[in-house]
Amino acid sequence: MPAYGEVVFIEEIGKSRDVEGKSVRLCGRLDYHNFAECRATLTDPQTCTSVALDTSLVEPFDSHLSALFQVIGELEYSEKDGAVVLRTRVIRLVDGMDFILYRNVITTQREYMNSR
């Protein structure tokens, strides 16, 4: 059974090889999608940080540029790009979700879990 994916924010994803294989779940705006190359980019609307996606496992999907998506997948360090890429295995449209409230809830949940 695949890992559930730890909820993270895009800016928390490291830029080094130590994140290799880590299963994550994150949300962001779809800024770029290339169906032929199975590549996409998600950007956090608040911090403007972005992450590259390998969408080969979920193509074709109904991509709406500037729409809010939630993805689950494994992080990989790409030697070719020299950056971390999220190999996406689940993608879903969550447009209409209050992103600021989502971030506040995740932050509050983390604070609670750390205080236990």
C-alpha atoms as a PDB file:
ATOM      1  CA  MET A   1       0.000   0.000   0.000  1.00  0.00           C
ATOM      2  CA  PRO A   2       1.444   3.409  -0.950  1.00  0.00           C
ATOM      3  CA  ALA A   3       2.318   5.929   1.734  1.00  0.00           C
ATOM      4  CA  TYR A   4      -0.364   8.502   2.597  1.00  0.00           C
ATOM      5  CA  GLY A   5       1.906  11.504   2.049  1.00  0.00           C
ATOM      6  CA  GLU A   6       2.960  13.857   4.819  1.00  0.00           C
ATOM      7  CA  VAL A   7       1.237  17.235   4.500  1.00  0.00           C
ATOM      8  CA  VAL A   8       3.859  19.864   3.674  1.00  0.00           C
ATOM      9  CA  PHE A   9       3.965  23.333   2.196  1.00  0.00           C
ATOM     10  CA  ILE A  10       5.917  23.867  -1.006  1.00  0.00           C
ATOM     11  CA  GLU A  11       8.499  26.094   0.710  1.00  0.00           C
ATOM     12  CA  GLU A  12       9.298  23.267   3.155  1.00  0.00           C
ATOM     13  CA  ILE A  13      10.563  20.969   0.428  1.00  0.00           C
ATOM     14  CA  GLY A  14      14.335  20.849   0.554  1.00  0.00           C
ATOM     15  CA  LYS A  15      16.498  21.436  -2.460  1.00  0.00           C
ATOM     16  CA  SER A  16      18.893  18.586  -1.703  1.00  0.00           C
ATOM     17  CA  ARG A  17      19.088  14.839  -2.223  1.00  0.00           C
ATOM     18  CA  ASP A  18      18.148  14.032   1.393  1.00  0.00           C
ATOM     19  CA  VAL A  19      14.436  14.217   0.502  1.00  0.00           C
ATOM     20  CA  GLU A  20      14.718  11.326  -1.976  1.00  0.00           C
ATOM     21  CA  GLY A  21      11.728   8.971  -1.724  1.00  0.00           C
ATOM     22  CA  LYS A  22       9.826  11.018   0.858  1.00  0.00           C
ATOM     23  CA  SER A  23       6.052  10.762   0.342  1.00  0.00           C
ATOM     24  CA  VAL A  24       4.337  14.174   0.543  1.00  0.00           C
ATOM     25  CA  ARG A  25       0.965  15.838   0.016  1.00  0.00           C
ATOM     26  CA  LEU A  26       0.785  19.492  -0.956  1.00  0.00           C
ATOM     27  CA  CYS A  27      -1.443  22.131  -2.517  1.00  0.00           C
ATOM     28  CA  GLY A  28      -0.682  24.866  -5.003  1.00  0.00           C
ATOM     29  CA  ARG A  29      -1.730  26.693  -8.145  1.00  0.00           C
ATOM     30  CA  LEU A  30      -0.991  25.009 -11.462  1.00  0.00           C
ATOM     31  CA  ASP A  31       1.238  27.447 -13.327  1.00  0.00           C
ATOM     32  CA  TYR A  32       2.558  25.232 -16.094  1.00  0.00           C
ATOM     33  CA  HIS A  33       1.566  21.940 -17.685  1.00  0.00           C
ATOM     34  CA  ASN A  34       3.211  20.202 -20.639  1.00  0.00           C
ATOM     35  CA  PHE A  35       1.274  17.067 -21.546  1.00  0.00           C
ATOM     36  CA  ALA A  36       3.881  15.829 -24.035  1.00  0.00           C
ATOM     37  CA  GLU A  37       6.765  15.968 -21.541  1.00  0.00           C
ATOM     38  CA  CYS A  38       4.644  14.989 -18.495  1.00  0.00           C
ATOM     39  CA  ARG A  39       5.837  18.062 -16.612  1.00  0.00           C
ATOM     40  CA  ALA A  40       3.979  20.633 -14.534  1.00  0.00           C
ATOM     41  CA  THR A  41       4.676  23.305 -11.932  1.00  0.00           C
ATOM     42  CA  LEU A  42       2.717  24.055  -8.755  1.00  0.00           C
ATOM     43  CA  THR A  43       3.184  27.388  -6.993  1.00  0.00           C
ATOM     44  CA  ASP A  44       2.153  28.360  -3.480  1.00  0.00           C
ATOM     45  CA  PRO A  45      -0.165  31.384  -3.885  1.00  0.00           C
ATOM     46  CA  GLN A  46       1.055  33.017  -0.656  1.00  0.00           C
ATOM     47  CA  THR A  47       4.812  32.492  -0.770  1.00  0.00           C
ATOM     48  CA  CYS A  48       5.275  32.234  -4.572  1.00  0.00           C
ATOM     49  CA  THR A  49       7.570  29.221  -4.125  1.00  0.00           C
ATOM     50  CA  SER A  50       7.164  26.448  -6.665  1.00  0.00           C
ATOM     51  CA  VAL A  51       7.859  22.771  -7.193  1.00  0.00           C
ATOM     52  CA  ALA A  52       8.280  20.805 -10.406  1.00  0.00           C
ATOM     53  CA  LEU A  53       5.987  17.824 -10.970  1.00  0.00           C
ATOM     54  CA  ASP A  54       6.532  14.653 -12.977  1.00  0.00           C
ATOM     55  CA  THR A  55       2.984  13.849 -14.107  1.00  0.00           C
ATOM     56  CA  SER A  56       3.710  10.663 -16.050  1.00  0.00           C
ATOM     57  CA  LEU A  57       1.632   8.530 -13.633  1.00  0.00           C
ATOM     58  CA  VAL A  58      -1.470  10.761 -13.799  1.00  0.00           C
ATOM     59  CA  GLU A  59      -1.631  11.808 -17.456  1.00  0.00           C
ATOM     60  CA  PRO A  60      -3.939  12.734 -18.952  1.00  0.00           C
ATOM     61  CA  PHE A  61      -5.566  14.899 -16.315  1.00  0.00           C
ATOM     62  CA  ASP A  62      -7.896  17.838 -16.736  1.00  0.00           C
ATOM     63  CA  SER A  63      -5.478  20.686 -16.177  1.00  0.00           C
ATOM     64  CA  HIS A  64      -6.771  24.184 -15.588  1.00  0.00           C
ATOM     65  CA  LEU A  65      -3.965  26.715 -15.373  1.00  0.00           C
ATOM     66  CA  SER A  66      -4.195  28.906 -12.248  1.00  0.00           C
ATOM     67  CA  ALA A  67      -6.514  26.384 -10.587  1.00  0.00           C
ATOM     68  CA  LEU A  68      -5.750  25.027  -7.120  1.00  0.00           C
ATOM     69  CA  PHE A  69      -4.644  21.373  -7.033  1.00  0.00           C
ATOM     70  CA  GLN A  70      -3.677  18.946  -4.294  1.00  0.00           C
ATOM     71  CA  VAL A  71      -1.077  16.319  -5.180  1.00  0.00           C
ATOM     72  CA  ILE A  72       0.388  13.259  -3.482  1.00  0.00           C
ATOM     73  CA  GLY A  73       3.644  11.702  -4.581  1.00  0.00           C
ATOM     74  CA  GLU A  74       7.272  10.952  -3.885  1.00  0.00           C
ATOM     75  CA  LEU A  75      10.115  13.447  -4.001  1.00  0.00           C
ATOM     76  CA  GLU A  76      13.055  12.685  -6.264  1.00  0.00           C
ATOM     77  CA  TYR A  77      16.255  14.548  -6.907  1.00  0.00           C
ATOM     78  CA  SER A  78      16.643  15.086 -10.646  1.00  0.00           C
ATOM     79  CA  GLU A  79      20.270  15.041 -11.804  1.00  0.00           C
ATOM     80  CA  LYS A  80      19.130  16.434 -15.165  1.00  0.00           C
ATOM     81  CA  ASP A  81      17.419  19.478 -13.640  1.00  0.00           C
ATOM     82  CA  GLY A  82      19.561  19.730 -10.510  1.00  0.00           C
ATOM     83  CA  ALA A  83      16.385  20.154  -8.473  1.00  0.00           C
ATOM     84  CA  VAL A  84      13.795  18.230  -6.504  1.00  0.00           C
ATOM     85  CA  VAL A  85      10.858  16.895  -8.547  1.00  0.00           C
ATOM     86  CA  LEU A  86       7.611  15.485  -7.164  1.00  0.00           C
ATOM     87  CA  ARG A  87       6.660  12.260  -8.937  1.00  0.00           C
ATOM     88  CA  THR A  88       2.894  12.716  -8.744  1.00  0.00           C
ATOM     89  CA  ARG A  89       0.685   9.644  -8.269  1.00  0.00           C
ATOM     90  CA  VAL A  90      -2.538  11.393  -7.191  1.00  0.00           C
ATOM     91  CA  ILE A  91      -3.810  14.769  -8.355  1.00  0.00           C
ATOM     92  CA  ARG A  92      -7.126  16.401  -7.616  1.00  0.00           C
ATOM     93  CA  LEU A  93      -8.697  19.741  -8.283  1.00  0.00           C
ATOM     94  CA  VAL A  94      -9.477  21.629  -5.058  1.00  0.00           C
ATOM     95  CA  ASP A  95     -10.410  24.965  -6.598  1.00  0.00           C
ATOM     96  CA  GLY A  96     -12.662  26.899  -4.256  1.00  0.00           C
ATOM     97  CA  MET A  97     -10.803  25.755  -1.146  1.00  0.00           C
ATOM     98  CA  ASP A  98      -9.871  28.643   1.149  1.00  0.00           C
ATOM     99  CA  PHE A  99      -6.082  28.340   0.932  1.00  0.00           C
ATOM    100  CA  ILE A 100      -5.371  30.763   3.790  1.00  0.00           C
ATOM    101  CA  LEU A 101      -7.688  28.806   6.093  1.00  0.00           C
ATOM    102  CA  TYR A 102      -6.063  25.541   4.917  1.00  0.00           C
ATOM    103  CA  ARG A 103      -2.601  26.830   5.884  1.00  0.00           C
ATOM    104  CA  ASN A 104      -3.891  28.047   9.257  1.00  0.00           C
ATOM    105  CA  VAL A 105      -5.497  24.674  10.005  1.00  0.00           C
ATOM    106  CA  ILE A 106      -2.330  22.730   9.105  1.00  0.00           C
ATOM    107  CA  THR A 107      -0.203  25.081  11.227  1.00  0.00           C
ATOM    108  CA  THR A 108      -2.580  24.795  14.194  1.00  0.00           C
ATOM    109  CA  GLN A 109      -2.700  21.005  13.855  1.00  0.00           C
ATOM    110  CA  ARG A 110       1.109  20.828  13.866  1.00  0.00           C
ATOM    111  CA  GLU A 111       1.317  23.019  16.966  1.00  0.00           C
ATOM    112  CA  TYR A 112      -1.194  20.798  18.753  1.00  0.00           C
ATOM    113  CA  MET A 113       0.571  17.571  17.764  1.00  0.00           C
ATOM    114  CA  ASN A 114       3.939  18.975  18.901  1.00  0.00           C
ATOM    115  CA  SER A 115       2.520  19.998  22.284  1.00  0.00           C
ATOM    116  CA  ARG A 116       1.262  16.499  23.091  1.00  0.00           C
END
